Amino acid sequence: MAREKLREYRTSIGKTQEEMSQIWGITLSFYKQIECGAKNPSIKKIKEFKSRFPTANTDEIFLT
């Protein structure tokens, strides 16, 4: 299942997938796999995401 909320958040802050992956500290390939729903980030990576994107609702993005 695609992570529409992740894509919506990314576009709402005006970032490309490449920019998001660089800020988050993951590869572009892994970011794309997460956004399309092919892969799931670890709890550690979700915490890192929250620290780099404090306005993001990580529960909504990753747990729904």
PDB file of N, CA and C in Angstrom:
ATOM      1  N   MET A   1       0.842  -1.190   0.000  1.00  0.00           N
ATOM      2  CA  MET A   1       0.000   0.000   0.000  1.00  0.00           C
ATOM      3  C   MET A   1       0.877   1.240   0.000  1.00  0.00           C
ATOM      4  N   ALA A   2       0.604   2.126  -0.904  1.00  0.00           N
ATOM      5  CA  ALA A   2       1.383   3.356  -1.022  1.00  0.00           C
ATOM      6  C   ALA A   2       1.173   4.239   0.200  1.00  0.00           C
ATOM      7  N   ARG A   3       2.186   4.968   0.533  1.00  0.00           N
ATOM      8  CA  ARG A   3       2.109   5.894   1.656  1.00  0.00           C
ATOM      9  C   ARG A   3       1.738   7.278   1.127  1.00  0.00           C
ATOM     10  N   GLU A   4       0.467   7.447   0.850  1.00  0.00           N
ATOM     11  CA  GLU A   4      -0.020   8.724   0.323  1.00  0.00           C
ATOM     12  C   GLU A   4       0.271   9.878   1.280  1.00  0.00           C
ATOM     13  N   LYS A   5       0.192   9.613   2.569  1.00  0.00           N
ATOM     14  CA  LYS A   5       0.427  10.675   3.553  1.00  0.00           C
ATOM     15  C   LYS A   5       1.870  11.157   3.517  1.00  0.00           C
ATOM     16  N   LEU A   6       2.804  10.262   3.239  1.00  0.00           N
ATOM     17  CA  LEU A   6       4.204  10.660   3.115  1.00  0.00           C
ATOM     18  C   LEU A   6       4.384  11.548   1.885  1.00  0.00           C
ATOM     19  N   ARG A   7       3.786  11.131   0.780  1.00  0.00           N
ATOM     20  CA  ARG A   7       3.873  11.947  -0.436  1.00  0.00           C
ATOM     21  C   ARG A   7       3.212  13.299  -0.217  1.00  0.00           C
ATOM     22  N   GLU A   8       2.039  13.297   0.417  1.00  0.00           N
ATOM     23  CA  GLU A   8       1.339  14.548   0.686  1.00  0.00           C
ATOM     24  C   GLU A   8       2.166  15.469   1.578  1.00  0.00           C
ATOM     25  N   TYR A   9       2.796  14.901   2.608  1.00  0.00           N
ATOM     26  CA  TYR A   9       3.644  15.714   3.481  1.00  0.00           C
ATOM     27  C   TYR A   9       4.813  16.289   2.689  1.00  0.00           C
ATOM     28  N   ARG A  10       5.470  15.449   1.898  1.00  0.00           N
ATOM     29  CA  ARG A  10       6.622  15.894   1.098  1.00  0.00           C
ATOM     30  C   ARG A  10       6.239  17.048   0.187  1.00  0.00           C
ATOM     31  N   THR A  11       5.128  16.912  -0.513  1.00  0.00           N
ATOM     32  CA  THR A  11       4.729  17.977  -1.429  1.00  0.00           C
ATOM     33  C   THR A  11       4.279  19.227  -0.671  1.00  0.00           C
ATOM     34  N   SER A  12       3.701  19.047   0.516  1.00  0.00           N
ATOM     35  CA  SER A  12       3.246  20.210   1.293  1.00  0.00           C
ATOM     36  C   SER A  12       4.411  21.067   1.773  1.00  0.00           C
ATOM     37  N   ILE A  13       5.581  20.442   1.943  1.00  0.00           N
ATOM     38  CA  ILE A  13       6.745  21.224   2.360  1.00  0.00           C
ATOM     39  C   ILE A  13       7.658  21.560   1.175  1.00  0.00           C
ATOM     40  N   GLY A  14       7.195  21.219  -0.025  1.00  0.00           N
ATOM     41  CA  GLY A  14       7.909  21.612  -1.240  1.00  0.00           C
ATOM     42  C   GLY A  14       9.235  20.906  -1.470  1.00  0.00           C
ATOM     43  N   LYS A  15       9.310  19.642  -1.089  1.00  0.00           N
ATOM     44  CA  LYS A  15      10.548  18.880  -1.257  1.00  0.00           C
ATOM     45  C   LYS A  15      10.382  17.807  -2.317  1.00  0.00           C
ATOM     46  N   THR A  16      11.481  17.499  -2.988  1.00  0.00           N
ATOM     47  CA  THR A  16      11.510  16.378  -3.928  1.00  0.00           C
ATOM     48  C   THR A  16      11.838  15.114  -3.146  1.00  0.00           C
ATOM     49  N   GLN A  17      11.671  13.985  -3.789  1.00  0.00           N
ATOM     50  CA  GLN A  17      12.045  12.723  -3.149  1.00  0.00           C
ATOM     51  C   GLN A  17      13.536  12.720  -2.815  1.00  0.00           C
ATOM     52  N   GLU A  18      14.335  13.255  -3.703  1.00  0.00           N
ATOM     53  CA  GLU A  18      15.778  13.305  -3.472  1.00  0.00           C
ATOM     54  C   GLU A  18      16.115  14.178  -2.264  1.00  0.00           C
ATOM     55  N   GLU A  19      15.476  15.328  -2.155  1.00  0.00           N
ATOM     56  CA  GLU A  19      15.716  16.203  -1.005  1.00  0.00           C
ATOM     57  C   GLU A  19      15.296  15.525   0.298  1.00  0.00           C
ATOM     58  N   MET A  20      14.148  14.862   0.271  1.00  0.00           N
ATOM     59  CA  MET A  20      13.671  14.159   1.464  1.00  0.00           C
ATOM     60  C   MET A  20      14.665  13.079   1.889  1.00  0.00           C
ATOM     61  N   SER A  21      15.149  12.312   0.925  1.00  0.00           N
ATOM     62  CA  SER A  21      16.077  11.230   1.264  1.00  0.00           C
ATOM     63  C   SER A  21      17.379  11.794   1.837  1.00  0.00           C
ATOM     64  N   GLN A  22      17.849  12.903   1.292  1.00  0.00           N
ATOM     65  CA  GLN A  22      19.085  13.499   1.789  1.00  0.00           C
ATOM     66  C   GLN A  22      18.906  14.026   3.207  1.00  0.00           C
ATOM     67  N   ILE A  23      17.810  14.713   3.463  1.00  0.00           N
ATOM     68  CA  ILE A  23      17.548  15.239   4.801  1.00  0.00           C
ATOM     69  C   ILE A  23      17.390  14.093   5.799  1.00  0.00           C
ATOM     70  N   TRP A  24      16.678  13.053   5.406  1.00  0.00           N
ATOM     71  CA  TRP A  24      16.403  11.914   6.280  1.00  0.00           C
ATOM     72  C   TRP A  24      17.652  11.068   6.502  1.00  0.00           C
ATOM     73  N   GLY A  25      18.589  11.109   5.549  1.00  0.00           N
ATOM     74  CA  GLY A  25      19.814  10.328   5.685  1.00  0.00           C
ATOM     75  C   GLY A  25      19.691   8.914   5.167  1.00  0.00           C
ATOM     76  N   ILE A  26      18.834   8.722   4.155  1.00  0.00           N
ATOM     77  CA  ILE A  26      18.682   7.412   3.528  1.00  0.00           C
ATOM     78  C   ILE A  26      18.903   7.566   2.029  1.00  0.00           C
ATOM     79  N   THR A  27      19.058   6.445   1.340  1.00  0.00           N
ATOM     80  CA  THR A  27      19.267   6.520  -0.097  1.00  0.00           C
ATOM     81  C   THR A  27      17.961   6.913  -0.798  1.00  0.00           C
ATOM     82  N   LEU A  28      18.101   7.487  -1.958  1.00  0.00           N
ATOM     83  CA  LEU A  28      16.925   7.850  -2.752  1.00  0.00           C
ATOM     84  C   LEU A  28      16.114   6.601  -3.091  1.00  0.00           C
ATOM     85  N   SER A  29      16.792   5.527  -3.422  1.00  0.00           N
ATOM     86  CA  SER A  29      16.118   4.280  -3.752  1.00  0.00           C
ATOM     87  C   SER A  29      15.259   3.790  -2.588  1.00  0.00           C
ATOM     88  N   PHE A  30      15.814   3.806  -1.377  1.00  0.00           N
ATOM     89  CA  PHE A  30      15.072   3.360  -0.203  1.00  0.00           C
ATOM     90  C   PHE A  30      13.896   4.300   0.065  1.00  0.00           C
ATOM     91  N   TYR A  31      14.123   5.596  -0.089  1.00  0.00           N
ATOM     92  CA  TYR A  31      13.026   6.549   0.118  1.00  0.00           C
ATOM     93  C   TYR A  31      11.876   6.250  -0.850  1.00  0.00           C
ATOM     94  N   LYS A  32      12.190   6.053  -2.116  1.00  0.00           N
ATOM     95  CA  LYS A  32      11.149   5.766  -3.108  1.00  0.00           C
ATOM     96  C   LYS A  32      10.389   4.489  -2.753  1.00  0.00           C
ATOM     97  N   GLN A  33      11.105   3.480  -2.257  1.00  0.00           N
ATOM     98  CA  GLN A  33      10.456   2.228  -1.870  1.00  0.00           C
ATOM     99  C   GLN A  33       9.521   2.439  -0.681  1.00  0.00           C
ATOM    100  N   ILE A  34       9.915   3.296   0.246  1.00  0.00           N
ATOM    101  CA  ILE A  34       9.055   3.601   1.387  1.00  0.00           C
ATOM    102  C   ILE A  34       7.816   4.350   0.914  1.00  0.00           C
ATOM    103  N   GLU A  35       8.019   5.370   0.072  1.00  0.00           N
ATOM    104  CA  GLU A  35       6.884   6.183  -0.384  1.00  0.00           C
ATOM    105  C   GLU A  35       5.885   5.378  -1.201  1.00  0.00           C
ATOM    106  N   CYS A  36       6.354   4.419  -1.964  1.00  0.00           N
ATOM    107  CA  CYS A  36       5.417   3.627  -2.773  1.00  0.00           C
ATOM    108  C   CYS A  36       4.855   2.438  -1.994  1.00  0.00           C
ATOM    109  N   GLY A  37       5.343   2.204  -0.782  1.00  0.00           N
ATOM    110  CA  GLY A  37       4.802   1.144   0.057  1.00  0.00           C
ATOM    111  C   GLY A  37       5.476  -0.199  -0.096  1.00  0.00           C
ATOM    112  N   ALA A  38       6.562  -0.258  -0.857  1.00  0.00           N
ATOM    113  CA  ALA A  38       7.259  -1.530  -1.054  1.00  0.00           C
ATOM    114  C   ALA A  38       8.118  -1.918   0.149  1.00  0.00           C
ATOM    115  N   LYS A  39       8.567  -0.937   0.914  1.00  0.00           N
ATOM    116  CA  LYS A  39       9.396  -1.176   2.097  1.00  0.00           C
ATOM    117  C   LYS A  39       8.837  -0.390   3.273  1.00  0.00           C
ATOM    118  N   ASN A  40       9.172  -0.846   4.477  1.00  0.00           N
ATOM    119  CA  ASN A  40       8.795  -0.153   5.700  1.00  0.00           C
ATOM    120  C   ASN A  40      10.056   0.290   6.432  1.00  0.00           C
ATOM    121  N   PRO A  41      10.069   1.522   6.928  1.00  0.00           N
ATOM    122  CA  PRO A  41      11.229   1.956   7.704  1.00  0.00           C
ATOM    123  C   PRO A  41      11.204   1.332   9.095  1.00  0.00           C
ATOM    124  N   SER A  42      12.373   1.164   9.669  1.00  0.00           N
ATOM    125  CA  SER A  42      12.467   0.650  11.040  1.00  0.00           C
ATOM    126  C   SER A  42      11.994   1.728  12.015  1.00  0.00           C
ATOM    127  N   ILE A  43      11.753   1.327  13.243  1.00  0.00           N
ATOM    128  CA  ILE A  43      11.372   2.287  14.280  1.00  0.00           C
ATOM    129  C   ILE A  43      12.468   3.348  14.425  1.00  0.00           C
ATOM    130  N   LYS A  44      13.714   2.923  14.366  1.00  0.00           N
ATOM    131  CA  LYS A  44      14.839   3.861  14.448  1.00  0.00           C
ATOM    132  C   LYS A  44      14.752   4.895  13.325  1.00  0.00           C
ATOM    133  N   LYS A  45      14.471   4.452  12.119  1.00  0.00           N
ATOM    134  CA  LYS A  45      14.384   5.376  10.982  1.00  0.00           C
ATOM    135  C   LYS A  45      13.176   6.303  11.118  1.00  0.00           C
ATOM    136  N   ILE A  46      12.078   5.808  11.689  1.00  0.00           N
ATOM    137  CA  ILE A  46      10.912   6.669  11.906  1.00  0.00           C
ATOM    138  C   ILE A  46      11.261   7.750  12.929  1.00  0.00           C
ATOM    139  N   LYS A  47      11.989   7.382  13.978  1.00  0.00           N
ATOM    140  CA  LYS A  47      12.423   8.374  14.976  1.00  0.00           C
ATOM    141  C   LYS A  47      13.350   9.404  14.350  1.00  0.00           C
ATOM    142  N   GLU A  48      14.247   8.955  13.481  1.00  0.00           N
ATOM    143  CA  GLU A  48      15.135   9.879  12.779  1.00  0.00           C
ATOM    144  C   GLU A  48      14.325  10.810  11.876  1.00  0.00           C
ATOM    145  N   PHE A  49      13.310  10.271  11.216  1.00  0.00           N
ATOM    146  CA  PHE A  49      12.441  11.088  10.373  1.00  0.00           C
ATOM    147  C   PHE A  49      11.791  12.180  11.216  1.00  0.00           C
ATOM    148  N   LYS A  50      11.248  11.804  12.361  1.00  0.00           N
ATOM    149  CA  LYS A  50      10.571  12.763  13.238  1.00  0.00           C
ATOM    150  C   LYS A  50      11.526  13.851  13.712  1.00  0.00           C
ATOM    151  N   SER A  51      12.770  13.496  13.994  1.00  0.00           N
ATOM    152  CA  SER A  51      13.722  14.504  14.458  1.00  0.00           C
ATOM    153  C   SER A  51      14.113  15.472  13.340  1.00  0.00           C
ATOM    154  N   ARG A  52      14.095  14.995  12.101  1.00  0.00           N
ATOM    155  CA  ARG A  52      14.463  15.854  10.968  1.00  0.00           C
ATOM    156  C   ARG A  52      13.262  16.609  10.386  1.00  0.00           C
ATOM    157  N   PHE A  53      12.074  16.083  10.625  1.00  0.00           N
ATOM    158  CA  PHE A  53      10.834  16.706  10.150  1.00  0.00           C
ATOM    159  C   PHE A  53       9.859  16.815  11.329  1.00  0.00           C
ATOM    160  N   PRO A  54      10.136  17.728  12.263  1.00  0.00           N
ATOM    161  CA  PRO A  54       9.334  17.779  13.498  1.00  0.00           C
ATOM    162  C   PRO A  54       7.866  18.142  13.298  1.00  0.00           C
ATOM    163  N   THR A  55       7.506  18.746  12.178  1.00  0.00           N
ATOM    164  CA  THR A  55       6.108  19.089  11.937  1.00  0.00           C
ATOM    165  C   THR A  55       5.299  17.920  11.382  1.00  0.00           C
ATOM    166  N   ALA A  56       5.978  16.852  11.017  1.00  0.00           N
ATOM    167  CA  ALA A  56       5.296  15.683  10.424  1.00  0.00           C
ATOM    168  C   ALA A  56       4.555  14.888  11.487  1.00  0.00           C
ATOM    169  N   ASN A  57       3.386  14.401  11.117  1.00  0.00           N
ATOM    170  CA  ASN A  57       2.611  13.519  11.988  1.00  0.00           C
ATOM    171  C   ASN A  57       3.028  12.090  11.643  1.00  0.00           C
ATOM    172  N   THR A  58       4.048  11.595  12.323  1.00  0.00           N
ATOM    173  CA  THR A  58       4.586  10.279  11.984  1.00  0.00           C
ATOM    174  C   THR A  58       3.582   9.152  12.220  1.00  0.00           C
ATOM    175  N   ASP A  59       2.714   9.306  13.197  1.00  0.00           N
ATOM    176  CA  ASP A  59       1.678   8.273  13.419  1.00  0.00           C
ATOM    177  C   ASP A  59       0.805   8.153  12.181  1.00  0.00           C
ATOM    178  N   GLU A  60       0.382   9.291  11.662  1.00  0.00           N
ATOM    179  CA  GLU A  60      -0.492   9.297  10.480  1.00  0.00           C
ATOM    180  C   GLU A  60       0.242   8.786   9.247  1.00  0.00           C
ATOM    181  N   ILE A  61       1.492   9.186   9.106  1.00  0.00           N
ATOM    182  CA  ILE A  61       2.268   8.800   7.922  1.00  0.00           C
ATOM    183  C   ILE A  61       2.624   7.323   7.922  1.00  0.00           C
ATOM    184  N   PHE A  62       3.095   6.814   9.039  1.00  0.00           N
ATOM    185  CA  PHE A  62       3.654   5.469   9.060  1.00  0.00           C
ATOM    186  C   PHE A  62       2.783   4.396   9.716  1.00  0.00           C
ATOM    187  N   LEU A  63       1.790   4.789  10.506  1.00  0.00           N
ATOM    188  CA  LEU A  63       1.031   3.786  11.246  1.00  0.00           C
ATOM    189  C   LEU A  63      -0.411   3.626  10.766  1.00  0.00           C
ATOM    190  N   THR A  64      -0.786   4.321   9.723  1.00  0.00           N
ATOM    191  CA  THR A  64      -2.160   4.172   9.217  1.00  0.00           C
ATOM    192  C   THR A  64      -2.160   3.487   7.877  1.00  0.00           C
TER     193      THR A  64
END
